[in-house]
């Protein structure tokens, strides 16, 4: 024990060096658990190394508090008995500022978790009585659970039923969390947003998946902390993560370090005219921002509510409304360049082609419009429409006069982008919600069933070259990739990197913060505002 405690004072410099070098021990699959007095999460380990010698102050309290909460969750999910932490947790939960008792509680919290980490105490499994299944005992009782956390509105979390006698898995079903944020690849790095309360983004090495840095917002409140659910914007010098609407939820980060740039640094920074970003605010409003500063340039409004995010391309902004209106705006003016009324219920975001804009409807129609004036060039109607799909088509990918698009009919379509003629279609195992990705002459497709396929366009037909199952929760976020790897952000909150040639796994990384231990991912992060409690009525979950 003494040698381990002594070691804790020797390793701070090693931990700091690891942090600077993008140490991600325990994070990437195959790297194992960094038990050597490390949690595997570099910023938590850095705070642990300095907590005894550097006091907790109002200046560092927010960072330490948020990191302490992540460490607590990481241990909790590994089965540690955290009852010794309860009284300290109550102080932190009740605190509304960082002073006095709260600062002491943060420091004491690290001491408590450190002691538990040195001498682990795990929660013991308590087995119940094995009851007869012949109806003579309450084992067959099936009391409805129709409310959040209970059989009535009291939210007690109590059921009068006997329940299971031991903690064995009866069945499981993939319950995904809807985050459609895609990673961005830039100069050998992968930039990723995260819907966590504290950690909101990462910079990863594209080849290894190792963490270069984490972006943090120091959040601790489950309901009140905003979250990042959309793809980041990456410029030459900046990474922008949106956790909501307006300037206060715009995290402008230094691309090299992940440090948030605030105050005078934003006000005095001059961006280039070509680095712009556009996004939906609410209802019929969207705004154009400087992508280097996150500052608003112009606000736009459509006549009807927007159905998805607007799209920026070559100085023009395209936006669609559910009631069938498609708009084009200039980045120089809030007035529309043109608007086209389509007799359809539109879904998704506008697709960009060579001189064409694509829009799709809920009834399986795909429209191609002239990008200059909004004239409808052609309409394609799919025959295999799924009435239970809110959005029928994925976003399209156009190349060399051919348009590749996935459907809720579990098919990949290839359409002549000039005429709208169907060239071929290929059936897959499940719906395709992610936009197809084209690298060289291979089309990569991810399904809601969790399959990733490499498909060859043979002219009048398609041929599957490779196929692999990645997880069981499926994919809705658009794929990203290069010759170094295909990146697929799963609804299981895992980012997968696979080889384009073999589809073998290069690495995988948690979208929420956490560590890999013996092949299992333990989350330290928590998705802000998520209430996953199920309800059960008449045997239906």
Protein backbone atom coordinates (compact mmCIF):
# COMPACT_ATOMS: atom_id res chain seq x y z
CA UNK A 1 0.00 0.00 0.00
CA UNK A 2 2.77 2.47 0.94
CA UNK A 3 4.58 1.85 -2.31
CA UNK A 4 1.42 2.50 -4.28
CA UNK A 5 0.76 5.75 -2.43
CA UNK A 6 4.38 6.81 -2.97
CA UNK A 7 4.00 5.99 -6.63
CA UNK A 8 1.07 8.41 -6.81
CA UNK A 9 3.42 11.32 -6.13
CA UNK A 10 6.00 10.16 -8.67
CA UNK A 11 3.72 9.72 -11.67
CA UNK A 12 2.21 13.23 -12.17
CA UNK A 13 4.85 14.18 -14.74
CA UNK A 14 4.31 10.88 -16.53
CA UNK A 15 0.54 11.44 -16.61
CA UNK A 16 0.97 15.00 -17.87
CA UNK A 17 3.29 13.81 -20.63
CA UNK A 18 0.76 11.13 -21.57
CA UNK A 19 -2.00 13.73 -21.71
CA UNK A 20 0.05 15.95 -24.02
CA UNK A 21 0.81 13.01 -26.27
CA UNK A 22 -2.86 12.09 -26.53
CA UNK A 23 -2.73 9.16 -24.16
CA UNK A 24 -5.97 7.16 -24.34
CA UNK A 25 -5.08 4.05 -22.39
CA UNK A 26 -8.16 2.00 -21.79
CA UNK A 27 -10.25 4.00 -24.28
CA UNK A 28 -9.59 2.19 -27.56
CA UNK A 29 -10.61 -1.43 -27.94
CA UNK A 30 -7.64 -3.73 -27.48
CA UNK A 31 -5.60 -1.37 -25.29
CA UNK A 32 -6.93 -2.98 -22.10
CA UNK A 33 -7.51 -1.46 -18.69
CA UNK A 34 -4.97 1.05 -17.38
CA UNK A 35 -5.09 -0.16 -13.78
CA UNK A 36 -1.53 0.95 -13.07
CA UNK A 37 -3.01 3.60 -10.73
CA UNK A 38 -4.65 5.19 -13.75
CA UNK A 39 -8.32 5.29 -14.67
CA UNK A 40 -7.55 5.37 -18.38
CA UNK A 41 -9.05 8.89 -18.65
CA UNK A 42 -6.13 11.30 -18.82
CA UNK A 43 -7.76 14.50 -17.54
CA UNK A 44 -9.18 12.71 -14.47
CA UNK A 45 -5.78 11.15 -13.75
CA UNK A 46 -4.10 14.54 -14.05
CA UNK A 47 -6.42 16.05 -11.43
CA UNK A 48 -5.86 13.03 -9.16
CA UNK A 49 -2.12 13.57 -9.37
CA UNK A 50 -2.31 17.21 -8.27
CA UNK A 51 -5.29 17.28 -5.88
CA UNK A 52 -3.19 16.95 -2.71
CA UNK A 53 -0.65 19.63 -3.64
CA UNK A 54 -2.86 22.09 -5.55
CA UNK A 55 -5.88 23.32 -3.54
CA UNK A 56 -9.39 23.30 -4.96
CA UNK A 57 -10.36 26.91 -5.65
CA UNK A 58 -13.22 28.78 -7.28
CA UNK A 59 -11.13 28.89 -10.47
CA UNK A 60 -10.60 25.12 -10.83
CA UNK A 61 -13.68 23.87 -8.96
CA UNK A 62 -15.96 23.48 -11.99
CA UNK A 63 -13.41 21.33 -13.84
CA UNK A 64 -12.66 19.21 -10.78
CA UNK A 65 -16.31 18.77 -9.85
CA UNK A 66 -17.31 17.62 -13.35
CA UNK A 67 -14.33 15.25 -13.58
CA UNK A 68 -15.10 13.86 -10.10
CA UNK A 69 -18.64 13.11 -11.25
CA UNK A 70 -17.32 11.24 -14.29
CA UNK A 71 -14.93 9.21 -12.13
CA UNK A 72 -17.79 8.36 -9.75
CA UNK A 73 -19.93 7.14 -12.68
CA UNK A 74 -17.04 5.10 -14.08
CA UNK A 75 -16.60 3.25 -10.76
CA UNK A 76 -20.36 2.88 -10.28
CA UNK A 77 -20.72 1.20 -13.67
CA UNK A 78 -17.95 -1.24 -12.74
CA UNK A 79 -19.89 -2.31 -9.65
CA UNK A 80 -17.96 -0.45 -6.94
CA UNK A 81 -19.80 0.05 -3.65
CA UNK A 82 -19.95 3.85 -3.43
CA UNK A 83 -21.95 4.17 -0.21
CA UNK A 84 -18.98 5.89 1.46
CA UNK A 85 -19.40 8.70 -1.07
CA UNK A 86 -23.08 9.36 -0.30
CA UNK A 87 -22.72 12.16 2.26
CA UNK A 88 -20.22 14.02 0.05
CA UNK A 89 -22.48 13.59 -2.96
CA UNK A 90 -25.38 15.19 -1.06
CA UNK A 91 -23.28 18.28 -0.36
CA UNK A 92 -22.30 18.58 -4.02
CA UNK A 93 -25.86 18.03 -5.23
CA UNK A 94 -27.20 20.72 -2.90
CA UNK A 95 -24.48 23.24 -3.73
CA UNK A 96 -25.26 26.23 -5.92
CA UNK A 97 -21.84 27.89 -5.88
CA UNK A 98 -18.17 27.00 -5.46
CA UNK A 99 -17.11 28.24 -2.05
CA UNK A 100 -16.35 27.00 1.45
CA UNK A 101 -17.97 23.63 2.14
CA UNK A 102 -18.34 22.81 -1.55
CA UNK A 103 -14.63 23.23 -2.27
CA UNK A 104 -13.78 20.99 0.68
CA UNK A 105 -16.33 18.42 -0.51
CA UNK A 106 -14.74 18.27 -3.97
CA UNK A 107 -11.28 17.61 -2.52
CA UNK A 108 -12.70 15.10 -0.03
CA UNK A 109 -14.56 13.38 -2.86
CA UNK A 110 -11.29 12.64 -4.64
CA UNK A 111 -9.81 11.31 -1.40
CA UNK A 112 -12.77 8.97 -0.91
CA UNK A 113 -12.68 7.62 -4.46
CA UNK A 114 -8.90 7.29 -4.27
CA UNK A 115 -9.20 5.13 -1.16
CA UNK A 116 -11.85 3.01 -2.83
CA UNK A 117 -9.74 2.68 -5.97
CA UNK A 118 -6.80 1.46 -3.86
CA UNK A 119 -8.97 -1.06 -1.99
CA UNK A 120 -11.96 -1.93 -4.18
CA UNK A 121 -15.22 -2.92 -2.50
CA UNK A 122 -17.85 -4.18 -4.90
CA UNK A 123 -21.60 -4.41 -4.52
CA UNK A 124 -22.52 -7.98 -3.65
CA UNK A 125 -25.19 -9.78 -5.61
CA UNK A 126 -28.17 -10.65 -3.42
CA UNK A 127 -30.08 -13.63 -4.74
CA UNK A 128 -33.78 -13.91 -4.03
CA UNK A 129 -35.75 -17.00 -3.22
CA UNK A 130 -36.50 -19.37 -6.06
CA UNK A 131 -40.28 -19.44 -6.25
CA UNK A 132 -42.49 -22.02 -7.87
CA UNK A 133 -43.78 -21.23 -11.30
CA UNK A 134 -47.05 -23.17 -10.95
CA UNK A 135 -49.17 -20.18 -9.98
CA UNK A 136 -49.08 -20.96 -6.24
CA UNK A 137 -46.65 -18.13 -5.56
CA UNK A 138 -46.44 -14.49 -6.62
CA UNK A 139 -43.68 -15.30 -9.14
CA UNK A 140 -46.25 -15.16 -11.95
CA UNK A 141 -47.66 -11.80 -10.85
CA UNK A 142 -47.33 -9.18 -13.57
CA UNK A 143 -48.26 -5.80 -12.13
CA UNK A 144 -48.33 -3.08 -14.76
CA UNK A 145 -45.64 -0.39 -14.63
CA UNK A 146 -47.39 2.38 -16.59
CA UNK A 147 -45.65 5.40 -15.08
CA UNK A 148 -42.14 6.78 -14.99
CA UNK A 149 -40.40 4.91 -12.12
CA UNK A 150 -43.36 3.03 -10.76
CA UNK A 151 -46.82 1.48 -10.69
CA UNK A 152 -48.41 4.83 -9.88
CA UNK A 153 -47.48 8.49 -10.09
CA UNK A 154 -45.45 8.43 -6.86
CA UNK A 155 -42.23 7.40 -8.70
CA UNK A 156 -41.10 5.19 -5.82
CA UNK A 157 -39.45 2.61 -8.07
CA UNK A 158 -41.21 -0.16 -6.10
CA UNK A 159 -43.11 -3.15 -7.49
CA UNK A 160 -45.11 -5.63 -5.38
CA UNK A 161 -44.08 -8.49 -7.70
CA UNK A 162 -41.53 -11.06 -6.54
CA UNK A 163 -39.11 -10.22 -9.32
CA UNK A 164 -36.10 -12.27 -10.47
CA UNK A 165 -34.25 -14.46 -7.99
CA UNK A 166 -30.83 -13.74 -9.51
CA UNK A 167 -29.27 -11.23 -11.86
CA UNK A 168 -29.01 -13.35 -14.99
CA UNK A 169 -29.79 -11.84 -18.38
CA UNK A 170 -33.23 -12.96 -19.58
CA UNK A 171 -33.20 -11.14 -22.93
CA UNK A 172 -31.93 -7.96 -24.46
CA UNK A 173 -32.97 -5.62 -27.24
CA UNK A 174 -30.92 -2.79 -28.77
CA UNK A 175 -32.43 0.47 -27.48
CA UNK A 176 -30.52 3.15 -29.36
CA UNK A 177 -30.08 6.80 -28.52
CA UNK A 178 -30.83 9.07 -31.44
CA UNK A 179 -27.69 11.06 -32.15
CA UNK A 180 -27.03 11.63 -35.85
CA UNK A 181 -23.76 13.54 -35.49
CA UNK A 182 -21.08 12.41 -37.93
CA UNK A 183 -17.33 12.75 -37.34
CA UNK A 184 -15.22 15.15 -39.42
CA UNK A 185 -11.84 14.06 -40.84
CA UNK A 186 -9.23 16.78 -41.30
CA UNK A 187 -5.47 16.39 -41.87
CA UNK A 188 -5.19 12.97 -40.25
CA UNK A 189 -7.39 13.86 -37.28
CA UNK A 190 -10.96 12.89 -36.44
CA UNK A 191 -13.14 15.54 -34.80
CA UNK A 192 -16.17 14.21 -32.97
CA UNK A 193 -18.94 15.81 -30.92
CA UNK A 194 -20.35 14.05 -27.85
CA UNK A 195 -23.74 14.49 -26.10
CA UNK A 196 -22.16 14.26 -22.65
CA UNK A 197 -22.80 16.46 -19.64
CA UNK A 198 -19.08 17.25 -19.25
CA UNK A 199 -17.11 15.98 -22.27
CA UNK A 200 -18.65 17.39 -25.47
CA UNK A 201 -16.07 16.47 -28.09
CA UNK A 202 -12.82 14.78 -29.06
CA UNK A 203 -9.91 15.06 -31.41
CA UNK A 204 -8.63 11.58 -32.31
CA UNK A 205 -5.75 10.28 -34.39
CA UNK A 206 -7.31 8.95 -37.59
CA UNK A 207 -5.06 5.89 -37.82
CA UNK A 208 -5.00 4.74 -34.19
CA UNK A 209 -8.08 6.32 -32.61
CA UNK A 210 -5.97 7.66 -29.75
CA UNK A 211 -7.24 10.78 -28.04
CA UNK A 212 -5.38 14.00 -28.85
CA UNK A 213 -7.65 16.04 -26.58
CA UNK A 214 -11.09 16.21 -24.97
CA UNK A 215 -13.36 19.26 -25.12
CA UNK A 216 -15.21 19.91 -21.86
CA UNK A 217 -18.01 22.20 -20.71
CA UNK A 218 -17.70 21.27 -16.98
CA UNK A 219 -21.37 20.30 -16.74
CA UNK A 220 -22.81 18.36 -13.81
CA UNK A 221 -26.58 18.91 -14.01
CA UNK A 222 -28.53 16.09 -15.60
CA UNK A 223 -31.43 18.13 -16.95
CA UNK A 224 -30.03 21.65 -17.11
CA UNK A 225 -26.79 20.99 -19.00
CA UNK A 226 -27.09 21.39 -22.80
CA UNK A 227 -25.77 18.64 -25.03
CA UNK A 228 -24.10 18.27 -28.45
CA UNK A 229 -26.17 16.25 -30.90
CA UNK A 230 -25.00 17.64 -34.24
CA UNK A 231 -21.79 17.26 -36.22
CA UNK A 232 -18.96 19.67 -35.39
CA UNK A 233 -17.73 22.35 -37.78
CA UNK A 234 -13.98 22.28 -38.46
CA UNK A 235 -12.01 25.13 -40.06
CA UNK A 236 -8.30 25.71 -40.57
CA UNK A 237 -7.82 26.81 -36.95
CA UNK A 238 -11.05 26.12 -35.09
CA UNK A 239 -13.51 23.41 -34.13
CA UNK A 240 -17.04 24.52 -33.25
CA UNK A 241 -19.41 22.36 -31.21
CA UNK A 242 -23.02 23.42 -30.79
CA UNK A 243 -24.81 22.36 -27.60
CA UNK A 244 -27.90 24.46 -28.28
CA UNK A 245 -28.92 27.72 -29.91
CA UNK A 246 -27.32 31.12 -29.52
CA UNK A 247 -23.84 32.36 -28.69
CA UNK A 248 -23.76 30.99 -25.12
CA UNK A 249 -24.05 27.42 -26.43
CA UNK A 250 -21.43 27.88 -29.15
CA UNK A 251 -18.15 26.24 -28.10
CA UNK A 252 -15.36 27.68 -30.26
CA UNK A 253 -12.27 25.55 -29.66
CA UNK A 254 -8.64 25.83 -30.60
CA UNK A 255 -8.23 23.03 -33.11
CA UNK A 256 -4.78 22.05 -31.82
CA UNK A 257 -5.56 21.92 -28.09
CA UNK A 258 -9.34 21.71 -27.62
CA UNK A 259 -9.21 24.74 -25.31
CA UNK A 260 -12.31 26.90 -25.53
CA UNK A 261 -11.62 30.41 -26.84
CA UNK A 262 -13.80 32.96 -25.07
CA UNK A 263 -14.23 36.69 -24.40
CA UNK A 264 -11.76 39.09 -26.05
CA UNK A 265 -10.20 36.31 -28.10
CA UNK A 266 -13.46 35.77 -29.93
CA UNK A 267 -14.27 39.48 -30.26
CA UNK A 268 -10.87 40.32 -31.74
CA UNK A 269 -10.43 37.30 -33.99
CA UNK A 270 -10.98 37.97 -37.70
CA UNK A 271 -12.15 35.00 -39.75
CA UNK A 272 -12.15 34.55 -43.51
CA UNK A 273 -15.26 35.06 -45.63
CA UNK A 274 -15.12 31.51 -46.94
CA UNK A 275 -15.39 29.86 -43.52
CA UNK A 276 -19.10 29.99 -42.77
CA UNK A 277 -21.59 27.76 -41.01
CA UNK A 278 -25.38 27.62 -41.16
CA UNK A 279 -27.87 25.89 -38.87
CA UNK A 280 -31.51 25.77 -37.83
CA UNK A 281 -32.36 27.78 -34.71
CA UNK A 282 -36.04 26.91 -34.19
CA UNK A 283 -39.26 26.79 -36.19
CA UNK A 284 -38.77 28.74 -39.41
CA UNK A 285 -35.54 30.50 -38.36
CA UNK A 286 -31.94 29.65 -39.23
CA UNK A 287 -28.73 31.63 -38.97
CA UNK A 288 -25.44 32.10 -40.76
CA UNK A 289 -22.34 32.36 -38.53
CA UNK A 290 -18.64 33.02 -38.87
CA UNK A 291 -17.21 29.51 -38.50
CA UNK A 292 -14.05 30.82 -36.84
CA UNK A 293 -15.77 32.79 -34.10
CA UNK A 294 -19.29 31.39 -33.80
CA UNK A 295 -20.63 34.94 -34.12
CA UNK A 296 -23.85 35.59 -36.01
CA UNK A 297 -23.63 37.13 -39.47
CA UNK A 298 -27.26 36.96 -40.51
CA UNK A 299 -30.62 35.49 -39.43
CA UNK A 300 -32.99 34.00 -42.02
CA UNK A 301 -36.66 33.08 -41.93
CA UNK A 302 -38.81 30.89 -44.15
CA UNK A 303 -42.58 31.13 -44.45
CA UNK A 304 -43.10 27.70 -42.89
CA UNK A 305 -41.29 25.62 -40.26
CA UNK A 306 -38.04 23.98 -41.38
CA UNK A 307 -38.04 20.20 -41.60
CA UNK A 308 -34.28 19.74 -41.13
CA UNK A 309 -30.97 21.55 -41.15
CA UNK A 310 -30.20 24.01 -43.99
CA UNK A 311 -27.28 23.24 -46.31
CA UNK A 312 -24.53 25.66 -47.43
CA UNK A 313 -22.93 25.22 -50.86
CA UNK A 314 -20.97 27.66 -53.07
CA UNK A 315 -22.36 30.80 -51.48
CA UNK A 316 -25.96 29.57 -51.48
CA UNK A 317 -28.06 28.17 -48.64
CA UNK A 318 -30.78 25.60 -49.31
CA UNK A 319 -33.56 24.96 -46.80
CA UNK A 320 -36.71 22.82 -46.95
CA UNK A 321 -40.05 23.00 -45.13
CA UNK A 322 -42.22 20.03 -44.29
CA UNK A 323 -45.21 21.45 -46.17
CA UNK A 324 -43.32 21.19 -49.46
CA UNK A 325 -41.48 24.50 -49.85
CA UNK A 326 -37.80 24.45 -50.87
CA UNK A 327 -35.77 27.68 -50.64
CA UNK A 328 -32.46 29.01 -51.91
CA UNK A 329 -30.83 31.99 -50.18
CA UNK A 330 -27.61 33.92 -50.76
CA UNK A 331 -25.10 34.28 -47.94
CA UNK A 332 -25.17 38.02 -48.75
CA UNK A 333 -28.89 38.67 -48.22
CA UNK A 334 -31.82 37.45 -46.08
CA UNK A 335 -34.12 37.50 -49.13
CA UNK A 336 -34.71 34.23 -51.05
CA UNK A 337 -33.02 33.73 -54.41
CA UNK A 338 -35.90 31.43 -55.29
CA UNK A 339 -38.49 29.18 -53.70
CA UNK A 340 -40.15 26.13 -55.19
CA UNK A 341 -43.46 24.67 -54.05
CA UNK A 342 -43.54 20.87 -54.25
CA UNK A 343 -46.81 19.01 -53.72
CA UNK A 344 -45.25 16.76 -51.10
CA UNK A 345 -44.45 16.36 -47.40
CA UNK A 346 -40.68 16.87 -47.35
CA UNK A 347 -38.27 15.04 -45.05
CA UNK A 348 -34.56 15.22 -44.33
CA UNK A 349 -32.09 17.83 -45.54
CA UNK A 350 -31.57 19.02 -49.14
CA UNK A 351 -28.97 17.03 -51.08
CA UNK A 352 -26.29 18.72 -53.21
CA UNK A 353 -25.39 17.57 -56.72
CA UNK A 354 -23.75 19.00 -59.83
CA UNK A 355 -26.03 21.93 -60.59
CA UNK A 356 -28.87 20.14 -58.85
CA UNK A 357 -30.58 20.13 -55.46
CA UNK A 358 -32.32 16.99 -54.23
CA UNK A 359 -35.34 16.82 -51.94
CA UNK A 360 -37.32 13.79 -50.78
CA UNK A 361 -40.83 13.20 -49.47
CA UNK A 362 -42.42 10.85 -46.96
CA UNK A 363 -44.32 9.01 -49.73
CA UNK A 364 -41.17 7.84 -51.53
CA UNK A 365 -40.73 10.61 -54.10
CA UNK A 366 -37.31 12.04 -54.90
CA UNK A 367 -37.11 15.46 -56.59
CA UNK A 368 -34.20 16.96 -58.55
CA UNK A 369 -34.30 20.76 -58.91
CA UNK A 370 -32.14 23.19 -60.85
CA UNK A 371 -29.83 24.86 -58.32
CA UNK A 372 -30.02 28.19 -60.18
CA UNK A 373 -33.78 28.75 -60.30
CA UNK A 374 -35.53 25.89 -58.47
CA UNK A 375 -37.12 24.35 -61.58
CA UNK A 376 -38.06 20.69 -61.06
CA UNK A 377 -35.90 18.66 -63.47
CA UNK A 378 -37.28 15.22 -62.68
CA UNK A 379 -39.16 13.19 -60.08
CA UNK A 380 -38.54 9.57 -59.10
CA UNK A 381 -41.21 7.51 -57.32
CA UNK A 382 -40.06 4.41 -55.47
CA UNK A 383 -42.35 1.40 -55.58
CA UNK A 384 -41.40 -0.08 -52.21
CA UNK A 385 -42.65 2.64 -49.88
CA UNK A 386 -42.75 1.88 -46.16
CA UNK A 387 -45.68 3.67 -44.57
CA UNK A 388 -44.17 3.40 -41.08
CA UNK A 389 -41.02 5.35 -42.00
CA UNK A 390 -41.00 9.03 -41.05
CA UNK A 391 -38.14 9.59 -43.47
CA UNK A 392 -37.98 7.28 -46.49
CA UNK A 393 -34.67 8.26 -48.14
CA UNK A 394 -31.18 8.79 -46.83
CA UNK A 395 -29.21 11.82 -47.99
CA UNK A 396 -27.90 11.13 -51.52
CA UNK A 397 -24.35 10.86 -52.85
CA UNK A 398 -23.73 11.91 -56.47
CA UNK A 399 -20.73 10.92 -58.60
CA UNK A 400 -20.14 10.82 -62.38
CA UNK A 401 -23.80 11.24 -63.27
CA UNK A 402 -24.96 8.54 -60.86
CA UNK A 403 -26.92 9.16 -57.67
CA UNK A 404 -26.66 6.66 -54.80
CA UNK A 405 -29.34 6.79 -52.13
CA UNK A 406 -30.63 4.43 -49.42
CA UNK A 407 -34.26 3.76 -48.56
CA UNK A 408 -36.51 2.58 -45.74
CA UNK A 409 -37.44 -0.19 -48.15
CA UNK A 410 -34.05 -1.77 -47.33
CA UNK A 411 -32.57 -1.00 -50.73
CA UNK A 412 -29.68 0.95 -52.21
CA UNK A 413 -30.73 2.75 -55.39
CA UNK A 414 -28.57 3.97 -58.27
CA UNK A 415 -30.31 6.67 -60.31
CA UNK A 416 -29.18 8.58 -63.40
CA UNK A 417 -28.72 12.08 -61.96
CA UNK A 418 -29.45 13.74 -65.34
CA UNK A 419 -32.72 11.99 -66.14
CA UNK A 420 -33.98 10.40 -62.92
CA UNK A 421 -33.95 6.92 -64.52
CA UNK A 422 -33.43 4.01 -62.11
CA UNK A 423 -30.25 2.19 -63.19
CA UNK A 424 -30.32 -0.53 -60.55
CA UNK A 425 -31.38 -1.31 -57.00
CA UNK A 426 -29.88 -3.69 -54.48
CA UNK A 427 -31.63 -5.19 -51.44
CA UNK A 428 -29.90 -5.16 -48.04
CA UNK A 429 -30.84 -6.53 -44.63
CA UNK A 430 -32.45 -3.39 -43.16
CA UNK A 431 -33.29 0.27 -43.69
CA UNK A 432 -30.55 2.60 -44.90
CA UNK A 433 -30.71 5.93 -43.07
CA UNK A 434 -27.03 6.92 -43.36
CA UNK A 435 -25.87 8.60 -46.54
CA UNK A 436 -23.82 6.21 -48.75
CA UNK A 437 -20.09 6.95 -48.80
CA UNK A 438 -18.08 6.68 -52.02
CA UNK A 439 -14.31 6.09 -51.89
CA UNK A 440 -12.66 5.54 -55.27
CA UNK A 441 -15.14 3.20 -56.99
CA UNK A 442 -16.60 1.46 -53.92
CA UNK A 443 -19.88 2.43 -52.24
CA UNK A 444 -20.06 1.95 -48.47
CA UNK A 445 -23.48 1.52 -46.90
CA UNK A 446 -24.52 1.19 -43.23
CA UNK A 447 -27.92 -0.16 -42.16
CA UNK A 448 -30.24 0.15 -39.17
CA UNK A 449 -29.48 -3.51 -38.49
CA UNK A 450 -25.80 -2.75 -37.90
CA UNK A 451 -24.37 -4.05 -41.18
CA UNK A 452 -21.63 -2.24 -43.09
CA UNK A 453 -21.32 -3.20 -46.75
CA UNK A 454 -18.80 -2.47 -49.49
CA UNK A 455 -20.64 -2.48 -52.83
CA UNK A 456 -19.31 -2.31 -56.39
CA UNK A 457 -21.31 -0.52 -59.10
CA UNK A 458 -21.27 -2.93 -62.06
CA UNK A 459 -23.12 -0.59 -64.42
CA UNK A 460 -26.54 -2.26 -64.55
CA UNK A 461 -26.30 -4.01 -61.18
CA UNK A 462 -24.51 -4.00 -57.84
CA UNK A 463 -22.15 -6.54 -56.29
CA UNK A 464 -21.42 -6.85 -52.56
CA UNK A 465 -17.64 -7.08 -52.13
CA UNK A 466 -17.52 -7.25 -48.33
CA UNK A 467 -20.00 -7.22 -45.46
CA UNK A 468 -19.50 -6.99 -41.70
CA UNK A 469 -21.72 -6.66 -38.64
CA UNK A 470 -20.76 -3.71 -36.42
CA UNK A 471 -22.64 -3.82 -33.13
CA UNK A 472 -26.36 -4.45 -32.91
CA UNK A 473 -27.87 -0.97 -32.58
CA UNK A 474 -27.47 0.13 -36.19
CA UNK A 475 -26.53 3.41 -37.87
CA UNK A 476 -28.40 6.61 -38.69
CA UNK A 477 -25.53 9.13 -38.78
CA UNK A 478 -23.93 9.67 -42.18
CA UNK A 479 -20.70 7.79 -42.81
CA UNK A 480 -17.36 9.57 -43.08
CA UNK A 481 -14.06 8.20 -44.25
CA UNK A 482 -10.94 8.20 -46.34
CA UNK A 483 -8.53 5.60 -47.66
CA UNK A 484 -7.30 5.25 -44.06
CA UNK A 485 -10.63 4.12 -42.67
CA UNK A 486 -14.43 4.18 -42.83
CA UNK A 487 -15.94 5.91 -39.79
CA UNK A 488 -19.40 4.84 -38.62
CA UNK A 489 -21.02 6.44 -35.55
CA UNK A 490 -23.39 3.85 -34.13
CA UNK A 491 -26.61 4.28 -32.19
CA UNK A 492 -24.85 2.29 -29.45
CA UNK A 493 -22.75 5.45 -28.91
CA UNK A 494 -19.60 3.82 -30.31
CA UNK A 495 -17.54 5.21 -33.21
CA UNK A 496 -16.13 2.43 -35.40
CA UNK A 497 -13.17 2.73 -37.78
CA UNK A 498 -12.80 -0.09 -40.31
CA UNK A 499 -10.43 -0.79 -43.16
CA UNK A 500 -11.89 0.19 -46.58
CA UNK A 501 -10.25 -2.86 -48.18
CA UNK A 502 -11.19 -5.61 -45.71
CA UNK A 503 -13.84 -3.99 -43.43
CA UNK A 504 -11.78 -5.29 -40.51
CA UNK A 505 -11.93 -3.16 -37.38
CA UNK A 506 -9.11 -0.63 -37.03
CA UNK A 507 -10.30 0.75 -33.70
CA UNK A 508 -13.42 1.82 -31.87
CA UNK A 509 -14.01 4.69 -29.51
CA UNK A 510 -16.78 5.64 -27.10
CA UNK A 511 -18.80 8.66 -28.22
CA UNK A 512 -19.53 9.19 -24.54
CA UNK A 513 -16.45 9.36 -22.31
CA UNK A 514 -15.28 6.08 -20.78
CA UNK A 515 -12.76 3.24 -20.90
CA UNK A 516 -12.48 -0.22 -22.39
CA UNK A 517 -11.79 -2.97 -19.87
CA UNK A 518 -11.31 -6.50 -21.18
CA UNK A 519 -13.38 -5.79 -24.27
CA UNK A 520 -16.26 -4.08 -22.45
CA UNK A 521 -16.86 -0.34 -22.55
CA UNK A 522 -17.62 1.38 -19.23
CA UNK A 523 -19.03 4.88 -19.57
CA UNK A 524 -17.88 7.73 -17.38
CA UNK A 525 -20.01 10.19 -19.30
CA UNK A 526 -23.76 10.53 -19.18
CA UNK A 527 -26.09 11.83 -21.86
CA UNK A 528 -27.63 15.06 -20.67
CA UNK A 529 -31.40 15.05 -20.18
CA UNK A 530 -32.03 11.39 -21.09
CA UNK A 531 -34.80 9.58 -19.16
CA UNK A 532 -34.60 5.93 -20.25
CA UNK A 533 -37.06 4.40 -17.76
CA UNK A 534 -39.45 2.00 -19.55
CA UNK A 535 -43.18 1.50 -18.98
CA UNK A 536 -44.99 -1.86 -19.12
CA UNK A 537 -48.72 -2.43 -19.64
CA UNK A 538 -50.48 -5.75 -20.37
CA UNK A 539 -47.16 -7.49 -20.95
CA UNK A 540 -46.03 -4.94 -23.56
CA UNK A 541 -42.79 -3.02 -22.96
